[in-house]
Amino acid sequence: HDFNRVGLFYGYDFQNGLSVSLEYAFEWQDHDEGDSDKFHYAGVGVNYSF
């Protein structure tokens, strides 16, 4: 059983303490039984610092 993951991340900080992020990942798994699975992950983040 092995798995691999590749992804992208983008973050941006605004001048007022607000920041946003976007992320995406693709993962594929190969099982010992011969099967394989594929997964997609996506995320959006918002953060405010004060």
PDB file of N, CA and C in Angstrom:
ATOM      1  N   HIS A   1       0.851  -1.181   0.000  1.00  0.00           N
ATOM      2  CA  HIS A   1       0.000   0.000   0.000  1.00  0.00           C
ATOM      3  C   HIS A   1       0.890   1.236   0.000  1.00  0.00           C
ATOM      4  N   ASP A   2       0.685   2.095  -0.959  1.00  0.00           N
ATOM      5  CA  ASP A   2       1.405   3.366  -0.951  1.00  0.00           C
ATOM      6  C   ASP A   2       0.471   4.464  -1.442  1.00  0.00           C
ATOM      7  N   PHE A   3       0.782   5.688  -1.063  1.00  0.00           N
ATOM      8  CA  PHE A   3      -0.034   6.801  -1.518  1.00  0.00           C
ATOM      9  C   PHE A   3       0.859   7.984  -1.846  1.00  0.00           C
ATOM     10  N   ASN A   4       0.377   8.819  -2.746  1.00  0.00           N
ATOM     11  CA  ASN A   4       1.103  10.011  -3.176  1.00  0.00           C
ATOM     12  C   ASN A   4       0.135  11.180  -3.174  1.00  0.00           C
ATOM     13  N   ARG A   5       0.659  12.367  -2.895  1.00  0.00           N
ATOM     14  CA  ARG A   5      -0.178  13.567  -2.878  1.00  0.00           C
ATOM     15  C   ARG A   5       0.585  14.724  -3.496  1.00  0.00           C
ATOM     16  N   VAL A   6      -0.119  15.490  -4.307  1.00  0.00           N
ATOM     17  CA  VAL A   6       0.436  16.709  -4.882  1.00  0.00           C
ATOM     18  C   VAL A   6      -0.620  17.798  -4.700  1.00  0.00           C
ATOM     19  N   GLY A   7      -0.160  19.023  -4.450  1.00  0.00           N
ATOM     20  CA  GLY A   7      -1.142  20.067  -4.188  1.00  0.00           C
ATOM     21  C   GLY A   7      -0.633  21.453  -4.503  1.00  0.00           C
ATOM     22  N   LEU A   8      -1.567  22.389  -4.453  1.00  0.00           N
ATOM     23  CA  LEU A   8      -1.284  23.802  -4.676  1.00  0.00           C
ATOM     24  C   LEU A   8      -1.853  24.599  -3.508  1.00  0.00           C
ATOM     25  N   PHE A   9      -1.154  25.667  -3.126  1.00  0.00           N
ATOM     26  CA  PHE A   9      -1.629  26.548  -2.060  1.00  0.00           C
ATOM     27  C   PHE A   9      -1.388  27.987  -2.480  1.00  0.00           C
ATOM     28  N   TYR A  10      -2.387  28.829  -2.279  1.00  0.00           N
ATOM     29  CA  TYR A  10      -2.251  30.257  -2.566  1.00  0.00           C
ATOM     30  C   TYR A  10      -2.800  31.031  -1.376  1.00  0.00           C
ATOM     31  N   GLY A  11      -2.012  31.953  -0.870  1.00  0.00           N
ATOM     32  CA  GLY A  11      -2.459  32.798   0.227  1.00  0.00           C
ATOM     33  C   GLY A  11      -2.215  34.258  -0.093  1.00  0.00           C
ATOM     34  N   TYR A  12      -3.108  35.113   0.386  1.00  0.00           N
ATOM     35  CA  TYR A  12      -2.976  36.549   0.141  1.00  0.00           C
ATOM     36  C   TYR A  12      -3.322  37.299   1.423  1.00  0.00           C
ATOM     37  N   ASP A  13      -2.466  38.250   1.806  1.00  0.00           N
ATOM     38  CA  ASP A  13      -2.683  39.096   2.978  1.00  0.00           C
ATOM     39  C   ASP A  13      -3.114  40.484   2.530  1.00  0.00           C
ATOM     40  N   PHE A  14      -4.243  40.940   3.038  1.00  0.00           N
ATOM     41  CA  PHE A  14      -4.694  42.304   2.781  1.00  0.00           C
ATOM     42  C   PHE A  14      -4.059  43.244   3.804  1.00  0.00           C
ATOM     43  N   GLN A  15      -4.128  44.536   3.568  1.00  0.00           N
ATOM     44  CA  GLN A  15      -3.508  45.533   4.445  1.00  0.00           C
ATOM     45  C   GLN A  15      -4.257  45.708   5.766  1.00  0.00           C
ATOM     46  N   ASN A  16      -5.504  45.283   5.847  1.00  0.00           N
ATOM     47  CA  ASN A  16      -6.314  45.511   7.040  1.00  0.00           C
ATOM     48  C   ASN A  16      -6.304  44.344   8.025  1.00  0.00           C
ATOM     49  N   GLY A  17      -5.395  43.384   7.888  1.00  0.00           N
ATOM     50  CA  GLY A  17      -5.328  42.242   8.794  1.00  0.00           C
ATOM     51  C   GLY A  17      -6.084  41.021   8.314  1.00  0.00           C
ATOM     52  N   LEU A  18      -6.798  41.144   7.227  1.00  0.00           N
ATOM     53  CA  LEU A  18      -7.549  40.026   6.666  1.00  0.00           C
ATOM     54  C   LEU A  18      -6.658  39.250   5.700  1.00  0.00           C
ATOM     55  N   SER A  19      -6.762  37.941   5.736  1.00  0.00           N
ATOM     56  CA  SER A  19      -6.029  37.107   4.782  1.00  0.00           C
ATOM     57  C   SER A  19      -6.940  35.982   4.298  1.00  0.00           C
ATOM     58  N   VAL A  20      -6.709  35.545   3.082  1.00  0.00           N
ATOM     59  CA  VAL A  20      -7.486  34.457   2.494  1.00  0.00           C
ATOM     60  C   VAL A  20      -6.521  33.424   1.913  1.00  0.00           C
ATOM     61  N   SER A  21      -6.980  32.187   1.832  1.00  0.00           N
ATOM     62  CA  SER A  21      -6.161  31.132   1.246  1.00  0.00           C
ATOM     63  C   SER A  21      -7.045  30.194   0.434  1.00  0.00           C
ATOM     64  N   LEU A  22      -6.461  29.662  -0.618  1.00  0.00           N
ATOM     65  CA  LEU A  22      -7.096  28.658  -1.459  1.00  0.00           C
ATOM     66  C   LEU A  22      -6.135  27.479  -1.557  1.00  0.00           C
ATOM     67  N   GLU A  23      -6.659  26.278  -1.458  1.00  0.00           N
ATOM     68  CA  GLU A  23      -5.790  25.113  -1.561  1.00  0.00           C
ATOM     69  C   GLU A  23      -6.492  23.978  -2.296  1.00  0.00           C
ATOM     70  N   TYR A  24      -5.677  23.182  -2.962  1.00  0.00           N
ATOM     71  CA  TYR A  24      -6.167  22.030  -3.706  1.00  0.00           C
ATOM     72  C   TYR A  24      -5.126  20.919  -3.602  1.00  0.00           C
ATOM     73  N   ALA A  25      -5.590  19.691  -3.439  1.00  0.00           N
ATOM     74  CA  ALA A  25      -4.678  18.547  -3.397  1.00  0.00           C
ATOM     75  C   ALA A  25      -5.315  17.367  -4.132  1.00  0.00           C
ATOM     76  N   PHE A  26      -4.475  16.591  -4.766  1.00  0.00           N
ATOM     77  CA  PHE A  26      -4.889  15.358  -5.436  1.00  0.00           C
ATOM     78  C   PHE A  26      -4.066  14.221  -4.850  1.00  0.00           C
ATOM     79  N   GLU A  27      -4.742  13.170  -4.432  1.00  0.00           N
ATOM     80  CA  GLU A  27      -4.060  12.028  -3.809  1.00  0.00           C
ATOM     81  C   GLU A  27      -4.490  10.746  -4.505  1.00  0.00           C
ATOM     82  N   TRP A  28      -3.517   9.879  -4.758  1.00  0.00           N
ATOM     83  CA  TRP A  28      -3.845   8.574  -5.306  1.00  0.00           C
ATOM     84  C   TRP A  28      -3.178   7.508  -4.453  1.00  0.00           C
ATOM     85  N   GLN A  29      -3.923   6.415  -4.249  1.00  0.00           N
ATOM     86  CA  GLN A  29      -3.467   5.309  -3.411  1.00  0.00           C
ATOM     87  C   GLN A  29      -3.477   4.028  -4.231  1.00  0.00           C
ATOM     88  N   ASP A  30      -2.394   3.295  -4.127  1.00  0.00           N
ATOM     89  CA  ASP A  30      -2.304   1.972  -4.746  1.00  0.00           C
ATOM     90  C   ASP A  30      -2.297   0.931  -3.636  1.00  0.00           C
ATOM     91  N   HIS A  31      -3.270   0.031  -3.657  1.00  0.00           N
ATOM     92  CA  HIS A  31      -3.402  -0.985  -2.618  1.00  0.00           C
ATOM     93  C   HIS A  31      -2.704  -2.275  -3.044  1.00  0.00           C
ATOM     94  N   ASP A  32      -2.336  -3.061  -2.061  1.00  0.00           N
ATOM     95  CA  ASP A  32      -1.655  -4.326  -2.322  1.00  0.00           C
ATOM     96  C   ASP A  32      -2.552  -5.310  -3.075  1.00  0.00           C
ATOM     97  N   GLU A  33      -3.864  -5.150  -2.940  1.00  0.00           N
ATOM     98  CA  GLU A  33      -4.798  -6.061  -3.608  1.00  0.00           C
ATOM     99  C   GLU A  33      -4.964  -5.744  -5.090  1.00  0.00           C
ATOM    100  N   GLY A  34      -4.349  -4.668  -5.569  1.00  0.00           N
ATOM    101  CA  GLY A  34      -4.457  -4.302  -6.971  1.00  0.00           C
ATOM    102  C   GLY A  34      -5.408  -3.151  -7.242  1.00  0.00           C
ATOM    103  N   ASP A  35      -6.185  -2.755  -6.251  1.00  0.00           N
ATOM    104  CA  ASP A  35      -7.105  -1.630  -6.419  1.00  0.00           C
ATOM    105  C   ASP A  35      -6.361  -0.315  -6.266  1.00  0.00           C
ATOM    106  N   SER A  36      -6.962   0.744  -6.770  1.00  0.00           N
ATOM    107  CA  SER A  36      -6.402   2.080  -6.569  1.00  0.00           C
ATOM    108  C   SER A  36      -7.547   3.057  -6.327  1.00  0.00           C
ATOM    109  N   ASP A  37      -7.288   4.062  -5.513  1.00  0.00           N
ATOM    110  CA  ASP A  37      -8.273   5.095  -5.185  1.00  0.00           C
ATOM    111  C   ASP A  37      -7.683   6.455  -5.503  1.00  0.00           C
ATOM    112  N   LYS A  38      -8.560   7.388  -5.852  1.00  0.00           N
ATOM    113  CA  LYS A  38      -8.142   8.763  -6.139  1.00  0.00           C
ATOM    114  C   LYS A  38      -9.032   9.712  -5.353  1.00  0.00           C
ATOM    115  N   PHE A  39      -8.429  10.754  -4.775  1.00  0.00           N
ATOM    116  CA  PHE A  39      -9.158  11.719  -3.967  1.00  0.00           C
ATOM    117  C   PHE A  39      -8.781  13.134  -4.379  1.00  0.00           C
ATOM    118  N   HIS A  40      -9.743  14.034  -4.317  1.00  0.00           N
ATOM    119  CA  HIS A  40      -9.525  15.459  -4.562  1.00  0.00           C
ATOM    120  C   HIS A  40      -9.913  16.208  -3.292  1.00  0.00           C
ATOM    121  N   TYR A  41      -9.072  17.130  -2.876  1.00  0.00           N
ATOM    122  CA  TYR A  41      -9.350  17.963  -1.717  1.00  0.00           C
ATOM    123  C   TYR A  41      -9.314  19.423  -2.154  1.00  0.00           C
ATOM    124  N   ALA A  42     -10.247  20.217  -1.663  1.00  0.00           N
ATOM    125  CA  ALA A  42     -10.251  21.654  -1.946  1.00  0.00           C
ATOM    126  C   ALA A  42     -10.604  22.389  -0.661  1.00  0.00           C
ATOM    127  N   GLY A  43      -9.990  23.550  -0.467  1.00  0.00           N
ATOM    128  CA  GLY A  43     -10.272  24.311   0.737  1.00  0.00           C
ATOM    129  C   GLY A  43     -10.160  25.805   0.508  1.00  0.00           C
ATOM    130  N   VAL A  44     -10.932  26.550   1.292  1.00  0.00           N
ATOM    131  CA  VAL A  44     -10.901  28.008   1.289  1.00  0.00           C
ATOM    132  C   VAL A  44     -10.779  28.443   2.738  1.00  0.00           C
ATOM    133  N   GLY A  45      -9.860  29.356   3.003  1.00  0.00           N
ATOM    134  CA  GLY A  45      -9.681  29.839   4.363  1.00  0.00           C
ATOM    135  C   GLY A  45      -9.742  31.352   4.429  1.00  0.00           C
ATOM    136  N   VAL A  46     -10.304  31.857   5.527  1.00  0.00           N
ATOM    137  CA  VAL A  46     -10.359  33.298   5.787  1.00  0.00           C
ATOM    138  C   VAL A  46      -9.871  33.508   7.208  1.00  0.00           C
ATOM    139  N   ASN A  47      -8.973  34.467   7.379  1.00  0.00           N
ATOM    140  CA  ASN A  47      -8.415  34.735   8.699  1.00  0.00           C
ATOM    141  C   ASN A  47      -8.353  36.245   8.922  1.00  0.00           C
ATOM    142  N   TYR A  48      -8.602  36.651  10.158  1.00  0.00           N
ATOM    143  CA  TYR A  48      -8.511  38.070  10.505  1.00  0.00           C
ATOM    144  C   TYR A  48      -7.651  38.211  11.750  1.00  0.00           C
ATOM    145  N   SER A  49      -6.649  39.058  11.686  1.00  0.00           N
ATOM    146  CA  SER A  49      -5.761  39.317  12.825  1.00  0.00           C
ATOM    147  C   SER A  49      -6.038  40.706  13.371  1.00  0.00           C
ATOM    148  N   PHE A  50      -6.108  40.800  14.698  1.00  0.00           N
ATOM    149  CA  PHE A  50      -6.319  42.113  15.311  1.00  0.00           C
ATOM    150  C   PHE A  50      -5.458  42.266  16.537  1.00  0.00           C
TER     151      PHE A  50
END
